[in-house]
Amino acid sequence: NNIRYLANAECVAEDFIFPSHSIFGRNGTTKLHHPAAKLSCQHTYGEVYLYSSCTGQCSDDAKCPLTTLIKANSCVGQFKDRVFTLGNNEYLTFLVKSRNSIYRNDLFQCVNL
């Protein structure tokens, strides 16, 4: 009963899409579950910091560390089964196949400078 209360009253679920571009052929995203209210990201790290700062969930205006788009030549040598596609009808990117034939691009670039 307490979990149901938290899920309905205090938390929200949303898809994490970075960048928020249209990616042809993408049929899967990362689903985030987080508090409805913004939180301080001063002492958060790793995935929690990344997802919170990049979705605007930080109350202290933390900066999203993701700045570079995943392009066709990103992360050379990894994802040998990548499928090339268009991103926002502007640039060549790629998708990777995960379980159940879902094609995703929720990857974080190796060098994000």
Protein backbone atom coordinates (compact mmCIF):
# COMPACT_ATOMS: atom_id res chain seq x y z
CA ASN A 1 0.00 0.00 0.00
CA ASN A 2 2.85 2.44 0.76
CA ILE A 3 4.50 1.74 -2.60
CA ARG A 4 1.22 2.38 -4.40
CA TYR A 5 0.90 5.70 -2.54
CA LEU A 6 4.42 6.76 -3.50
CA ALA A 7 3.97 5.73 -7.12
CA ASN A 8 0.70 7.62 -7.52
CA ALA A 9 1.23 10.68 -5.34
CA GLU A 10 4.93 11.43 -5.14
CA CYS A 11 6.64 10.05 -8.25
CA VAL A 12 6.37 10.53 -12.00
CA ALA A 13 7.52 8.42 -14.91
CA GLU A 14 8.92 9.85 -18.14
CA ASP A 15 11.02 8.80 -21.09
CA PHE A 16 14.63 9.98 -21.18
CA ILE A 17 15.51 11.06 -24.69
CA PHE A 18 18.79 12.86 -25.33
CA PRO A 19 18.94 14.70 -27.50
CA SER A 20 15.24 15.28 -27.96
CA HIS A 21 15.64 14.80 -31.70
CA SER A 22 13.64 12.60 -33.98
CA ILE A 23 15.67 9.45 -34.67
CA PHE A 24 14.36 7.39 -37.57
CA GLY A 25 13.73 3.79 -36.52
CA ARG A 26 14.06 4.33 -32.76
CA ASN A 27 11.41 2.29 -30.98
CA GLY A 28 12.67 2.27 -27.40
CA THR A 29 13.77 4.73 -24.74
CA THR A 30 14.92 4.70 -21.12
CA LYS A 31 12.01 5.10 -18.70
CA LEU A 32 12.81 7.22 -15.63
CA HIS A 33 10.91 7.16 -12.35
CA HIS A 34 11.70 10.11 -10.12
CA PRO A 35 10.16 12.33 -7.46
CA ALA A 36 7.59 14.81 -8.74
CA ALA A 37 9.35 17.63 -6.89
CA LYS A 38 12.80 18.87 -7.89
CA LEU A 39 15.70 17.75 -5.72
CA SER A 40 19.08 19.20 -4.87
CA CYS A 41 21.79 17.60 -7.00
CA GLN A 42 24.64 18.97 -4.90
CA HIS A 43 25.47 15.51 -3.53
CA THR A 44 24.30 13.27 -6.37
CA TYR A 45 26.64 11.44 -8.70
CA GLY A 46 26.71 9.02 -11.63
CA GLU A 47 23.47 8.03 -13.31
CA VAL A 48 21.32 9.88 -10.79
CA TYR A 49 23.16 13.14 -11.47
CA LEU A 50 23.16 12.63 -15.23
CA TYR A 51 19.45 11.85 -15.54
CA SER A 52 18.40 14.48 -12.99
CA SER A 53 20.46 17.31 -14.45
CA CYS A 54 19.59 16.49 -18.07
CA THR A 55 15.85 16.39 -17.39
CA GLY A 56 15.76 19.61 -15.36
CA GLN A 57 14.94 17.85 -12.09
CA CYS A 58 17.68 19.58 -10.06
CA SER A 59 16.57 22.48 -7.88
CA ASP A 60 20.08 23.98 -7.93
CA ASP A 61 20.35 24.40 -11.73
CA ALA A 62 22.96 21.66 -12.16
CA LYS A 63 24.36 21.51 -15.69
CA CYS A 64 23.73 18.48 -17.88
CA PRO A 65 27.10 16.93 -18.77
CA LEU A 66 25.83 15.63 -22.11
CA THR A 67 26.74 18.07 -24.84
CA THR A 68 27.79 15.94 -27.81
CA LEU A 69 25.41 14.15 -30.16
CA ILE A 70 25.92 10.47 -30.94
CA LYS A 71 27.04 10.50 -34.55
CA ALA A 72 27.81 7.66 -36.94
CA ASN A 73 31.53 7.72 -36.13
CA SER A 74 31.09 7.93 -32.33
CA CYS A 75 32.64 5.24 -30.10
CA VAL A 76 34.62 3.56 -32.85
CA GLY A 77 35.14 -0.15 -32.19
CA GLN A 78 32.09 -0.48 -29.97
CA PHE A 79 28.62 -1.58 -31.01
CA LYS A 80 29.71 -3.59 -34.04
CA ASP A 81 26.05 -4.40 -34.80
CA ARG A 82 25.02 -0.73 -35.01
CA VAL A 83 22.38 0.27 -37.51
CA PHE A 84 22.95 3.63 -39.17
CA THR A 85 20.03 6.05 -39.37
CA LEU A 86 19.13 9.74 -39.56
CA GLY A 87 18.88 12.03 -36.58
CA ASN A 88 16.53 14.99 -36.90
CA ASN A 89 16.88 14.69 -40.69
CA GLU A 90 20.24 16.48 -40.27
CA TYR A 91 22.99 14.06 -39.29
CA LEU A 92 23.93 10.39 -39.49
CA THR A 93 23.68 8.54 -36.17
CA PHE A 94 23.16 4.92 -35.16
CA LEU A 95 20.90 2.67 -33.15
CA VAL A 96 21.76 -0.52 -31.28
CA LYS A 97 19.47 -3.50 -30.97
CA SER A 98 18.59 -4.55 -27.45
CA ARG A 99 16.32 -7.25 -26.10
CA ASN A 100 13.09 -7.98 -27.94
CA SER A 101 14.27 -6.27 -31.16
CA ILE A 102 14.07 -2.79 -29.66
CA TYR A 103 16.31 -0.25 -31.36
CA ARG A 104 17.68 2.40 -29.01
CA ASN A 105 20.16 5.23 -29.00
CA ASP A 106 20.22 6.06 -25.29
CA LEU A 107 24.00 5.85 -25.21
CA PHE A 108 26.44 8.27 -23.65
CA GLN A 109 29.35 9.23 -25.84
CA CYS A 110 32.78 7.84 -24.85
CA VAL A 111 34.37 11.30 -24.96
CA ASN A 112 31.74 13.92 -24.32
CA LEU A 113 33.68 17.15 -24.81
